[in-house]
């Protein structure tokens, strides 16, 4: 099996792993700990969960669903386009019954209403500043092995229909850039995290200027907190929650995800556990963190029983076929450093 294909499979399954594993977590670390103790396996969402009530163990949410629909559009079109990204979001929204679905994000819901009303996709995402574009951006990185700049530009392009702001484009670019660098078999974890910062700076100037903290600088903060050897793992995780944040704001969720990547030392299994303990918008943070880790370490770093759960809980999605489609596009790209 190609090393690159193994890494692309790791990125795709990593996205699903972090999403489904962290799906039951609550808003704060204290709430999650009080309910579950430690989340160390796939669990169903509790009946009183504010967003995911009723979802069975191993089930993905909108984070991975949108990534899958975007990946299908990329494979079908052979590249990333604004029109393809808009079509993917609309198709996903209609398939899941988005009008009554509780976990559609606010920026995406507003953008879909505009697209349905005939607003061009280049205009429909104005004002979108949450993490909806970033949560699906890992698949963009999977077609750009080693090319951080190309991944960042395409991630910003894919963000435009729903999240056309500087902060959201920076966040999406950071995830895609980190994944792209992770596909390079020579990349260290430090290289991957530096790529997230580099890509965030590229993406920031590609969206419509908007208020919001610097995604690049907050990634640096989150990574520094994760690497602070003066505190225990729990203390460092709490510091990320307290000082970086773990909400659906793009400038919180993506930096928090990179902090989790650093704290987990690039291990997707450990990243899933840490993101669940972090709580907040845990499924999104987990999806992004585990996509980066999975792309860096490869699919073998994800326990085989966990892969089986993901396939069984989401039978309508063919992860293997989609990974091969992305791999075929990735092999046409010239790897760069």
Protein backbone atom coordinates (compact mmCIF):
# COMPACT_ATOMS: atom_id res chain seq x y z
CA UNK A 1 0.00 0.00 0.00
CA UNK A 2 1.23 3.50 -0.83
CA UNK A 3 2.52 5.44 2.17
CA UNK A 4 0.58 8.44 0.92
CA UNK A 5 -2.66 6.46 0.68
CA UNK A 6 -2.07 5.16 4.21
CA UNK A 7 -1.74 8.73 5.44
CA UNK A 8 -4.81 9.93 3.54
CA UNK A 9 -6.81 7.09 5.05
CA UNK A 10 -5.46 8.10 8.44
CA UNK A 11 -6.58 11.69 7.90
CA UNK A 12 -10.05 10.71 6.76
CA UNK A 13 -10.65 8.13 9.47
CA UNK A 14 -9.01 10.48 11.98
CA UNK A 15 -11.59 13.14 11.15
CA UNK A 16 -14.40 10.64 11.80
CA UNK A 17 -12.71 9.28 14.93
CA UNK A 18 -12.38 12.63 16.67
CA UNK A 19 -15.89 13.64 15.70
CA UNK A 20 -17.65 10.47 16.87
CA UNK A 21 -15.49 9.86 19.94
CA UNK A 22 -16.03 13.39 21.28
CA UNK A 23 -19.69 13.65 20.25
CA UNK A 24 -21.11 12.84 23.76
CA UNK A 25 -18.97 15.44 25.60
CA UNK A 26 -20.61 18.41 27.29
CA UNK A 27 -19.79 22.12 27.37
CA UNK A 28 -17.18 22.16 30.14
CA UNK A 29 -14.51 19.72 31.31
CA UNK A 30 -16.23 19.60 34.70
CA UNK A 31 -19.61 18.64 33.18
CA UNK A 32 -18.06 15.94 31.02
CA UNK A 33 -16.08 14.54 33.95
CA UNK A 34 -19.14 14.53 36.21
CA UNK A 35 -21.19 12.61 33.65
CA UNK A 36 -18.65 10.14 32.26
CA UNK A 37 -15.51 10.28 34.35
CA UNK A 38 -13.13 9.75 31.44
CA UNK A 39 -14.40 9.12 27.91
CA UNK A 40 -12.17 6.24 26.78
CA UNK A 41 -14.38 4.57 24.17
CA UNK A 42 -17.17 5.37 21.76
CA UNK A 43 -20.33 6.24 23.68
CA UNK A 44 -23.87 7.23 22.68
CA UNK A 45 -24.95 10.78 23.37
CA UNK A 46 -27.01 11.06 26.58
CA UNK A 47 -30.71 11.75 26.18
CA UNK A 48 -30.24 15.19 27.70
CA UNK A 49 -27.35 16.21 25.48
CA UNK A 50 -28.07 19.75 24.21
CA UNK A 51 -27.06 19.00 20.60
CA UNK A 52 -26.48 15.29 19.93
CA UNK A 53 -29.21 13.58 21.93
CA UNK A 54 -30.16 10.28 20.34
CA UNK A 55 -26.96 9.68 18.38
CA UNK A 56 -25.58 6.15 18.84
CA UNK A 57 -22.01 5.29 19.74
CA UNK A 58 -19.59 5.84 16.85
CA UNK A 59 -21.91 8.07 14.87
CA UNK A 60 -20.34 11.03 13.11
CA UNK A 61 -21.90 14.49 13.16
CA UNK A 62 -21.98 17.47 10.81
CA UNK A 63 -18.20 17.91 11.12
CA UNK A 64 -17.37 14.75 9.22
CA UNK A 65 -20.54 14.74 7.14
CA UNK A 66 -19.64 18.11 5.64
CA UNK A 67 -16.05 16.97 5.11
CA UNK A 68 -17.32 13.91 3.24
CA UNK A 69 -19.65 15.93 1.02
CA UNK A 70 -16.86 18.41 0.28
CA UNK A 71 -14.45 15.58 -0.50
CA UNK A 72 -16.95 14.05 -2.91
CA UNK A 73 -17.29 17.39 -4.69
CA UNK A 74 -13.51 17.75 -4.91
CA UNK A 75 -13.12 14.25 -6.35
CA UNK A 76 -15.97 14.81 -8.79
CA UNK A 77 -14.66 18.19 -9.97
CA UNK A 78 -11.00 17.26 -9.81
CA UNK A 79 -10.21 20.37 -7.79
CA UNK A 80 -11.55 22.76 -5.17
CA UNK A 81 -14.00 25.39 -6.43
CA UNK A 82 -16.33 27.86 -4.75
CA UNK A 83 -19.24 26.42 -6.72
CA UNK A 84 -18.36 22.85 -5.77
CA UNK A 85 -18.10 23.78 -2.09
CA UNK A 86 -21.48 25.52 -2.22
CA UNK A 87 -23.06 22.54 -3.97
CA UNK A 88 -21.60 20.19 -1.34
CA UNK A 89 -23.05 22.20 1.54
CA UNK A 90 -26.48 22.40 -0.08
CA UNK A 91 -26.55 18.68 -0.89
CA UNK A 92 -25.50 17.81 2.65
CA UNK A 93 -28.07 20.17 4.17
CA UNK A 94 -30.92 18.70 2.13
CA UNK A 95 -29.86 15.12 2.84
CA UNK A 96 -29.85 15.55 6.62
CA UNK A 97 -33.01 17.69 6.75
CA UNK A 98 -31.06 20.75 7.81
CA UNK A 99 -34.09 22.92 8.58
CA UNK A 100 -34.89 20.78 11.62
CA UNK A 101 -31.40 19.42 12.40
CA UNK A 102 -30.14 20.71 15.78
CA UNK A 103 -26.44 20.64 14.97
CA UNK A 104 -26.31 22.85 11.87
CA UNK A 105 -24.04 25.77 12.75
CA UNK A 106 -25.34 29.35 12.72
CA UNK A 107 -23.07 30.62 9.93
CA UNK A 108 -23.88 27.63 7.73
CA UNK A 109 -27.61 27.97 8.33
CA UNK A 110 -27.53 31.65 7.32
CA UNK A 111 -25.44 30.90 4.25
CA UNK A 112 -27.75 28.09 3.10
CA UNK A 113 -30.75 30.43 3.35
CA UNK A 114 -28.93 32.94 1.16
CA UNK A 115 -27.88 30.31 -1.38
CA UNK A 116 -31.45 29.03 -1.59
CA UNK A 117 -32.60 32.61 -2.20
CA UNK A 118 -30.24 32.91 -5.16
CA UNK A 119 -27.37 34.81 -3.56
CA UNK A 120 -24.12 33.90 -5.38
CA UNK A 121 -21.76 31.62 -3.40
CA UNK A 122 -19.12 34.33 -3.55
CA UNK A 123 -21.43 36.51 -1.43
CA UNK A 124 -23.43 34.04 0.69
CA UNK A 125 -20.72 33.52 3.31
CA UNK A 126 -20.23 37.13 4.33
CA UNK A 127 -20.16 37.42 8.11
CA UNK A 128 -19.56 33.72 8.77
CA UNK A 129 -16.98 33.62 11.56
CA UNK A 130 -17.53 30.28 13.29
CA UNK A 131 -15.63 27.01 12.76
CA UNK A 132 -17.87 25.43 10.11
CA UNK A 133 -15.40 25.88 7.27
CA UNK A 134 -12.46 24.70 9.37
CA UNK A 135 -14.22 21.53 10.50
CA UNK A 136 -14.47 20.28 6.89
CA UNK A 137 -11.10 21.63 5.68
CA UNK A 138 -8.97 18.57 6.44
CA UNK A 139 -10.01 16.92 3.17
CA UNK A 140 -8.60 19.90 1.26
CA UNK A 141 -5.22 19.27 2.83
CA UNK A 142 -5.41 15.61 1.81
CA UNK A 143 -5.05 16.48 -1.89
CA UNK A 144 -2.00 18.72 -1.37
CA UNK A 145 0.77 16.52 0.07
CA UNK A 146 3.49 18.77 1.42
CA UNK A 147 2.16 21.93 -0.22
CA UNK A 148 1.03 24.11 2.66
CA UNK A 149 0.39 27.25 0.59
CA UNK A 150 -1.80 25.46 -1.96
CA UNK A 151 -3.77 23.77 0.80
CA UNK A 152 -4.29 27.11 2.56
CA UNK A 153 -5.49 28.85 -0.61
CA UNK A 154 -7.90 26.04 -1.49
CA UNK A 155 -9.24 25.86 2.08
CA UNK A 156 -10.04 29.57 1.97
CA UNK A 157 -11.72 29.03 -1.40
CA UNK A 158 -13.87 26.22 0.03
CA UNK A 159 -14.80 28.45 2.99
CA UNK A 160 -16.19 31.29 0.87
CA UNK A 161 -19.81 30.05 0.40
CA UNK A 162 -20.44 29.84 4.16
CA UNK A 163 -17.57 31.51 6.03
CA UNK A 164 -16.11 34.32 3.97
CA UNK A 165 -14.30 36.23 6.71
CA UNK A 166 -10.63 36.65 7.50
CA UNK A 167 -10.85 34.74 10.77
CA UNK A 168 -12.80 31.79 9.35
CA UNK A 169 -10.59 31.53 6.26
CA UNK A 170 -7.50 31.63 8.50
CA UNK A 171 -8.92 28.81 10.63
CA UNK A 172 -9.83 26.63 7.64
CA UNK A 173 -6.44 27.25 6.07
CA UNK A 174 -4.67 26.28 9.30
CA UNK A 175 -6.33 22.86 9.38
CA UNK A 176 -5.74 22.16 5.69
CA UNK A 177 -2.14 23.39 5.86
CA UNK A 178 -1.35 21.23 8.89
CA UNK A 179 -2.84 18.16 7.18
CA UNK A 180 -0.94 18.85 3.96
CA UNK A 181 2.35 19.06 5.85
CA UNK A 182 1.47 15.96 7.84
CA UNK A 183 1.30 13.97 4.60
CA UNK A 184 5.02 14.54 4.08
CA UNK A 185 6.70 11.44 5.49
CA UNK A 186 9.73 13.55 6.48
CA UNK A 187 7.71 16.08 8.51
CA UNK A 188 8.17 16.30 12.26
CA UNK A 189 5.30 17.23 14.54
CA UNK A 190 6.90 20.64 14.98
CA UNK A 191 6.82 21.04 11.18
CA UNK A 192 3.11 20.21 11.15
CA UNK A 193 2.27 22.74 13.86
CA UNK A 194 4.38 25.44 12.23
CA UNK A 195 2.52 24.74 8.98
CA UNK A 196 -0.77 25.45 10.76
CA UNK A 197 0.54 28.89 11.75
CA UNK A 198 1.92 29.58 8.27
CA UNK A 199 -1.32 28.54 6.60
CA UNK A 200 -3.43 30.62 8.99
CA UNK A 201 -1.49 33.70 7.97
CA UNK A 202 -2.07 32.90 4.30
CA UNK A 203 -5.79 32.29 4.79
CA UNK A 204 -6.34 35.41 6.87
CA UNK A 205 -5.77 37.75 3.92
CA UNK A 206 -8.04 35.74 1.62
CA UNK A 207 -11.29 36.36 3.50
CA UNK A 208 -13.27 39.55 3.96
CA UNK A 209 -11.72 41.47 6.89
CA UNK A 210 -13.61 40.85 10.11
CA UNK A 211 -13.10 41.32 13.82
CA UNK A 212 -11.53 38.41 15.59
CA UNK A 213 -8.37 37.29 17.33
CA UNK A 214 -5.41 36.18 15.23
CA UNK A 215 -5.78 32.45 14.56
CA UNK A 216 -2.05 32.13 13.91
CA UNK A 217 -1.02 33.73 17.20
CA UNK A 218 -3.62 31.79 19.16
CA UNK A 219 -2.29 28.54 17.69
CA UNK A 220 1.12 29.54 18.99
CA UNK A 221 -0.42 30.21 22.40
CA UNK A 222 -2.26 26.88 22.50
CA UNK A 223 0.86 24.94 21.51
CA UNK A 224 2.93 26.75 24.16
CA UNK A 225 0.34 25.86 26.81
CA UNK A 226 0.35 22.22 25.70
CA UNK A 227 4.13 22.09 25.94
CA UNK A 228 4.38 23.73 29.36
CA UNK A 229 6.07 20.96 31.32
CA UNK A 230 5.40 22.75 34.60
CA UNK A 231 1.82 21.48 34.64
CA UNK A 232 0.20 18.06 34.51
CA UNK A 233 -1.65 16.95 31.40
CA UNK A 234 -4.98 17.83 33.02
CA UNK A 235 -3.67 21.25 34.03
CA UNK A 236 -2.40 21.97 30.54
CA UNK A 237 -5.71 20.89 29.04
CA UNK A 238 -7.58 23.14 31.45
CA UNK A 239 -5.25 26.02 30.55
CA UNK A 240 -6.15 25.57 26.87
CA UNK A 241 -9.84 25.65 27.80
CA UNK A 242 -9.44 28.71 30.03
CA UNK A 243 -7.01 30.80 27.96
CA UNK A 244 -7.63 29.75 24.34
CA UNK A 245 -11.25 28.62 24.57
CA UNK A 246 -13.14 25.67 23.13
CA UNK A 247 -16.26 27.25 21.66
CA UNK A 248 -17.42 27.18 18.03
CA UNK A 249 -15.62 30.48 17.39
CA UNK A 250 -13.05 29.86 14.67
CA UNK A 251 -10.38 31.67 16.65
CA UNK A 252 -10.91 29.32 19.61
CA UNK A 253 -11.70 25.89 18.16
CA UNK A 254 -8.83 25.63 15.66
CA UNK A 255 -6.10 26.84 18.06
CA UNK A 256 -7.51 24.49 20.71
CA UNK A 257 -7.34 21.62 18.22
CA UNK A 258 -3.68 22.36 17.50
CA UNK A 259 -3.03 22.48 21.23
CA UNK A 260 -4.57 19.01 21.49
CA UNK A 261 -2.35 17.78 18.63
CA UNK A 262 0.71 19.03 20.51
CA UNK A 263 -0.42 17.62 23.86
CA UNK A 264 -1.18 14.25 22.25
CA UNK A 265 2.24 14.21 20.57
CA UNK A 266 0.48 13.57 17.26
CA UNK A 267 -1.24 10.35 18.39
CA UNK A 268 -4.84 10.24 17.06
CA UNK A 269 -6.08 7.87 19.76
CA UNK A 270 -4.71 10.08 22.52
CA UNK A 271 -5.94 13.23 20.76
CA UNK A 272 -9.49 11.86 20.74
CA UNK A 273 -9.38 11.22 24.49
CA UNK A 274 -7.92 14.67 25.19
CA UNK A 275 -10.42 16.51 22.99
CA UNK A 276 -13.30 14.72 24.71
CA UNK A 277 -11.91 15.74 28.10
CA UNK A 278 -11.42 19.32 26.89
CA UNK A 279 -15.15 19.50 26.09
CA UNK A 280 -16.73 22.64 24.64
CA UNK A 281 -17.23 22.13 20.90
CA UNK A 282 -15.43 18.85 21.45
CA UNK A 283 -16.60 16.95 18.38
CA UNK A 284 -15.33 19.69 16.08
CA UNK A 285 -12.07 20.14 17.96
CA UNK A 286 -11.60 16.38 18.04
CA UNK A 287 -12.35 15.99 14.34
CA UNK A 288 -9.76 18.60 13.36
CA UNK A 289 -7.11 17.40 15.82
CA UNK A 290 -7.47 13.73 14.92
CA UNK A 291 -7.50 14.48 11.19
CA UNK A 292 -4.10 16.14 11.58
CA UNK A 293 -2.77 13.34 13.79
CA UNK A 294 -4.17 10.61 11.54
CA UNK A 295 -2.58 12.17 8.47
CA UNK A 296 0.76 12.44 10.27
CA UNK A 297 0.87 8.97 11.83
CA UNK A 298 -1.17 7.08 9.24
CA UNK A 299 -4.21 4.86 9.61
CA UNK A 300 -2.27 2.19 11.52
CA UNK A 301 -2.17 4.55 14.50
CA UNK A 302 -5.95 4.19 14.89
CA UNK A 303 -6.94 0.95 16.66
CA UNK A 304 -8.55 -1.51 14.24
CA UNK A 305 -11.60 -2.07 16.49
CA UNK A 306 -12.23 1.67 16.42
CA UNK A 307 -12.10 1.68 12.61
CA UNK A 308 -14.63 -1.15 12.63
CA UNK A 309 -16.96 0.85 14.89
CA UNK A 310 -16.77 3.87 12.60
CA UNK A 311 -17.62 1.81 9.53
CA UNK A 312 -20.45 -0.04 11.26
CA UNK A 313 -21.99 3.09 12.79
CA UNK A 314 -21.85 4.99 9.49
CA UNK A 315 -22.61 2.37 6.81
CA UNK A 316 -23.77 4.93 4.25
CA UNK A 317 -20.26 6.37 3.97
CA UNK A 318 -17.53 4.48 2.09
CA UNK A 319 -14.39 5.87 3.72
CA UNK A 320 -12.11 3.60 1.72
CA UNK A 321 -13.46 4.60 -1.69
CA UNK A 322 -13.34 8.27 -0.76
CA UNK A 323 -9.75 7.96 0.45
CA UNK A 324 -8.76 6.37 -2.85
CA UNK A 325 -10.44 9.18 -4.77
CA UNK A 326 -8.54 11.81 -2.78
CA UNK A 327 -5.32 9.80 -3.20
CA UNK A 328 -5.69 9.82 -6.97
CA UNK A 329 -5.89 13.61 -6.90
CA UNK A 330 -3.04 13.87 -4.41
CA UNK A 331 -0.70 11.80 -6.57
CA UNK A 332 -1.11 14.38 -9.35
CA UNK A 333 0.12 17.13 -7.03
CA UNK A 334 3.85 17.84 -6.81
CA UNK A 335 4.91 17.54 -3.15
CA UNK A 336 6.68 20.65 -1.85
CA UNK A 337 8.30 21.77 1.38
